[in-house]
Amino acid sequence: MKTFTLDEAQSLLPVLEALLKRAIEGKQAAEEVESVLSDLARRIYLSGGMHVDVGAVHRALAHRRVRSEGLPAGR
């Protein structure tokens, strides 16, 4: 485990804040995608089934996914 001096820690705060902001934005984007999929699944279930335009859903999800690109994968 790395131990930082006070100066090192203070110099890294802006980087940490930027990464934290990106992580929060990525989480919000993921929650939005999850909400869209949940709403779609609920509409399909309540209607007893339906024809889903898979291409349109895929494009919408891809558009939302672009917003969270560049975020490191969770460990």
Protein backbone atom coordinates (compact mmCIF):
# COMPACT_ATOMS: atom_id res chain seq x y z
CA MET A 1 0.00 0.00 0.00
CA LYS A 2 1.33 3.42 -0.99
CA THR A 3 1.72 6.11 1.65
CA PHE A 4 1.57 9.69 0.42
CA THR A 5 3.11 12.80 1.89
CA LEU A 6 0.82 15.74 2.52
CA ASP A 7 2.16 17.54 -0.56
CA GLU A 8 1.68 14.45 -2.76
CA ALA A 9 -1.84 13.93 -1.48
CA GLN A 10 -2.80 17.57 -2.03
CA SER A 11 -1.36 17.55 -5.54
CA LEU A 12 -3.42 14.45 -6.40
CA LEU A 13 -6.73 15.86 -5.13
CA PRO A 14 -7.73 17.47 -8.47
CA VAL A 15 -7.08 14.19 -10.29
CA LEU A 16 -9.08 12.25 -7.72
CA GLU A 17 -11.95 14.74 -7.89
CA ALA A 18 -12.06 14.48 -11.70
CA LEU A 19 -12.06 10.67 -11.56
CA LEU A 20 -14.77 10.67 -8.93
CA LYS A 21 -16.92 13.00 -11.04
CA ARG A 22 -16.51 10.72 -14.07
CA ALA A 23 -17.40 7.68 -11.96
CA ILE A 24 -20.55 9.37 -10.66
CA GLU A 25 -21.56 10.37 -14.20
CA GLY A 26 -20.93 6.81 -15.38
CA LYS A 27 -23.07 5.42 -12.59
CA GLN A 28 -25.88 7.81 -13.49
CA ALA A 29 -25.66 6.77 -17.15
CA ALA A 30 -25.75 3.09 -16.16
CA GLU A 31 -28.78 3.68 -13.94
CA GLU A 32 -30.51 5.48 -16.81
CA VAL A 33 -29.90 2.51 -19.14
CA GLU A 34 -31.14 0.13 -16.46
CA SER A 35 -34.29 2.23 -16.04
CA VAL A 36 -34.96 2.23 -19.80
CA LEU A 37 -34.55 -1.55 -19.98
CA SER A 38 -36.73 -2.05 -16.91
CA ASP A 39 -39.47 0.12 -18.39
CA LEU A 40 -39.28 -1.81 -21.66
CA ALA A 41 -39.47 -5.16 -19.85
CA ARG A 42 -42.46 -3.94 -17.83
CA ARG A 43 -44.30 -2.76 -20.98
CA ILE A 44 -43.62 -6.11 -22.67
CA TYR A 45 -44.85 -8.03 -19.63
CA LEU A 46 -48.00 -5.92 -19.14
CA SER A 47 -48.97 -6.14 -22.79
CA GLY A 48 -48.59 -9.91 -22.85
CA GLY A 49 -45.69 -9.64 -25.25
CA MET A 50 -44.89 -7.35 -28.14
CA HIS A 51 -42.68 -6.93 -31.13
CA VAL A 52 -39.55 -5.07 -30.00
CA ASP A 53 -37.52 -3.06 -32.48
CA VAL A 54 -34.21 -4.51 -31.33
CA GLY A 55 -32.24 -2.17 -33.60
CA ALA A 56 -33.85 0.93 -32.08
CA VAL A 57 -33.26 -0.34 -28.54
CA HIS A 58 -29.66 -1.20 -29.41
CA ARG A 59 -29.06 2.28 -30.91
CA ALA A 60 -30.58 3.99 -27.86
CA LEU A 61 -28.44 1.95 -25.49
CA ALA A 62 -25.32 2.53 -27.59
CA HIS A 63 -25.98 6.28 -27.52
CA ARG A 64 -26.24 6.22 -23.74
CA ARG A 65 -23.18 3.96 -23.45
CA VAL A 66 -21.05 6.55 -25.30
CA ARG A 67 -21.60 8.88 -22.37
CA SER A 68 -19.81 6.49 -20.04
CA GLU A 69 -16.95 5.48 -22.37
CA GLY A 70 -13.48 5.93 -21.02
CA LEU A 71 -14.43 4.97 -17.50
CA PRO A 72 -12.28 2.27 -15.98
CA ALA A 73 -14.01 -1.07 -15.48
CA GLY A 74 -15.14 -1.91 -11.94
CA ARG A 75 -13.07 -4.38 -10.01
